Amino acid sequence: MLWLSLSIAMLSCQKTNEQTSLGSVPAQILEEKTMNMKIDFHEGAEVFFVLKNREIIPTQKMPPEGFYVRGKIERGRFKPQSGVLGIGELANVGRYGWLELNSKEFFPMESDRKADMPFVKGYLIEEEFKPSERDVIMSP
């Protein structure tokens, strides 16, 4: 009976203190750090700009969930190669404005700022951006 109790206790400790190949960094902390890291892409890299969280990710066989724009990295900037792609309802409520695809910043429509191209019009809803149209604005 003592052996069974020790085995269960050891399994519990092993499960909660899961380690990575980077030494004593718990897997959950490493995952959180990885999610917050900036990924640098090489010139010409094919990428997706995920609108919801404003993240640029490498292209993959399966498209990301939600709305995104397919593009390439040219001279260190995101250059769209498509309109807004993805499945979902376009937004019509929230704080209306635009999302600049290179600065990754949202600006409300009442802002005095002139939009930096390319950008997508849409709504900010609880810190998440949702497009209101499928066009990517490339020029004034």
Protein backbone atom coordinates (compact mmCIF):
# COMPACT_ATOMS: atom_id res chain seq x y z
CA MET A 1 0.00 0.00 0.00
CA LEU A 2 2.86 2.39 0.80
CA TRP A 3 4.44 1.64 -2.60
CA LEU A 4 1.15 2.53 -4.37
CA SER A 5 0.89 5.84 -2.48
CA LEU A 6 4.48 6.78 -3.35
CA SER A 7 3.90 5.89 -7.03
CA ILE A 8 0.81 8.09 -7.20
CA ALA A 9 2.63 10.96 -5.46
CA MET A 10 5.57 10.66 -7.88
CA LEU A 11 3.25 10.67 -10.90
CA SER A 12 1.51 13.79 -9.56
CA CYS A 13 4.82 15.58 -9.10
CA GLN A 14 6.05 14.49 -12.52
CA LYS A 15 2.85 15.73 -14.18
CA THR A 16 2.92 19.18 -12.54
CA ASN A 17 6.67 19.71 -12.89
CA GLU A 18 7.01 18.65 -16.51
CA GLN A 19 10.40 19.78 -17.77
CA THR A 20 11.61 20.74 -21.23
CA SER A 21 14.88 20.13 -23.01
CA LEU A 22 15.93 23.62 -21.91
CA GLY A 23 16.66 22.50 -18.37
CA SER A 24 14.40 23.43 -15.52
CA VAL A 25 12.02 25.74 -17.42
CA PRO A 26 8.48 24.38 -17.00
CA ALA A 27 6.79 23.60 -20.32
CA GLN A 28 3.90 26.02 -19.68
CA ILE A 29 6.25 28.96 -19.04
CA LEU A 30 8.26 28.12 -22.17
CA GLU A 31 5.06 27.98 -24.22
CA GLU A 32 3.95 31.40 -22.88
CA LYS A 33 7.38 32.91 -23.66
CA THR A 34 7.34 31.42 -27.16
CA MET A 35 3.90 32.93 -27.83
CA ASN A 36 5.19 36.40 -26.93
CA MET A 37 8.39 36.19 -28.98
CA LYS A 38 8.80 38.17 -32.18
CA ILE A 39 9.56 35.94 -35.13
CA ASP A 40 11.80 37.43 -37.81
CA PHE A 41 11.08 36.26 -41.35
CA HIS A 42 13.57 36.20 -44.22
CA GLU A 43 13.07 38.27 -47.37
CA GLY A 44 10.39 36.72 -49.58
CA ALA A 45 8.94 34.51 -46.82
CA GLU A 46 5.32 33.54 -47.46
CA VAL A 47 3.21 34.35 -44.40
CA PHE A 48 -0.31 34.81 -43.07
CA PHE A 49 -1.34 37.95 -41.17
CA VAL A 50 -3.94 36.74 -38.63
CA LEU A 51 -6.29 39.70 -38.10
CA LYS A 52 -7.84 38.62 -34.79
CA ASN A 53 -4.59 38.79 -32.82
CA ARG A 54 -2.45 40.81 -35.28
CA GLU A 55 0.10 38.02 -35.57
CA ILE A 56 2.23 37.17 -38.60
CA ILE A 57 2.80 33.43 -38.93
CA PRO A 58 4.49 31.23 -41.54
CA THR A 59 2.16 29.83 -44.20
CA GLN A 60 0.92 26.34 -43.51
CA LYS A 61 -1.17 23.70 -45.27
CA MET A 62 -4.18 24.40 -43.08
CA PRO A 63 -5.19 28.07 -43.02
CA PRO A 64 -5.48 29.77 -39.62
CA GLU A 65 -8.85 30.02 -37.90
CA GLY A 66 -10.80 33.21 -38.47
CA PHE A 67 -9.85 36.00 -40.83
CA TYR A 68 -6.36 36.43 -42.28
CA VAL A 69 -4.44 37.94 -45.20
CA ARG A 70 -1.92 35.94 -47.22
CA GLY A 71 1.27 37.79 -48.10
CA LYS A 72 5.06 37.96 -48.32
CA ILE A 73 7.78 39.77 -46.44
CA GLU A 74 9.43 42.36 -48.69
CA ARG A 75 12.08 44.77 -47.40
CA GLY A 76 11.11 43.82 -43.85
CA ARG A 77 7.43 44.71 -44.33
CA PHE A 78 4.28 42.68 -44.87
CA LYS A 79 3.07 42.88 -48.48
CA PRO A 80 -0.45 41.47 -49.01
CA GLN A 81 -0.99 38.95 -51.79
CA SER A 82 -4.74 38.55 -51.18
CA GLY A 83 -7.78 40.23 -49.78
CA VAL A 84 -9.19 39.20 -46.42
CA LEU A 85 -9.57 35.41 -46.41
CA GLY A 86 -11.20 33.06 -43.93
CA ILE A 87 -14.62 31.96 -42.86
CA GLY A 88 -16.84 33.99 -40.57
CA GLU A 89 -19.25 36.87 -40.36
CA LEU A 90 -17.87 40.30 -41.08
CA ALA A 91 -18.20 42.71 -38.16
CA ASN A 92 -20.69 45.56 -37.92
CA VAL A 93 -20.45 46.41 -34.20
CA GLY A 94 -17.63 47.55 -31.93
CA ARG A 95 -15.18 50.41 -32.28
CA TYR A 96 -14.89 51.20 -36.00
CA GLY A 97 -11.52 51.99 -37.53
CA TRP A 98 -8.63 50.40 -39.38
CA LEU A 99 -5.80 47.97 -38.69
CA GLU A 100 -2.44 48.81 -40.23
CA LEU A 101 -0.83 45.58 -41.35
CA ASN A 102 2.77 46.72 -40.82
CA SER A 103 2.54 48.58 -37.52
CA LYS A 104 -0.11 46.08 -36.33
CA GLU A 105 -1.90 49.01 -34.70
CA PHE A 106 -5.62 49.73 -34.68
CA PHE A 107 -6.79 53.33 -35.12
CA PRO A 108 -10.38 54.49 -34.57
CA MET A 109 -12.00 56.19 -37.55
CA GLU A 110 -12.17 59.50 -35.65
CA SER A 111 -8.35 59.53 -35.37
CA ASP A 112 -6.46 62.43 -36.99
CA ARG A 113 -3.84 59.97 -38.21
CA LYS A 114 -3.49 59.28 -41.92
CA ALA A 115 -3.59 55.51 -42.46
CA ASP A 116 -0.33 53.74 -43.33
CA MET A 117 -0.94 51.33 -46.20
CA PRO A 118 -1.78 48.49 -46.36
CA PHE A 119 -4.69 48.39 -43.94
CA VAL A 120 -8.02 46.67 -43.33
CA LYS A 121 -11.21 48.40 -42.16
CA GLY A 122 -13.10 46.81 -39.31
CA TYR A 123 -14.03 46.81 -35.66
CA LEU A 124 -12.11 46.38 -32.44
CA ILE A 125 -14.10 44.16 -30.09
CA GLU A 126 -12.51 43.55 -26.67
CA GLU A 127 -8.93 43.91 -28.02
CA GLU A 128 -9.60 41.62 -30.99
CA PHE A 129 -9.85 42.99 -34.53
CA LYS A 130 -12.59 41.76 -36.86
CA PRO A 131 -12.84 43.05 -40.45
CA SER A 132 -15.97 44.73 -41.80
CA GLU A 133 -15.03 44.09 -45.46
CA ARG A 134 -12.78 41.74 -47.43
CA ASP A 135 -10.70 44.45 -49.12
CA VAL A 136 -7.12 45.25 -48.15
CA ILE A 137 -6.56 48.93 -48.89
CA MET A 138 -3.25 49.33 -50.71
CA SER A 139 -3.48 52.95 -51.94
CA PRO A 140 -5.49 56.09 -51.15
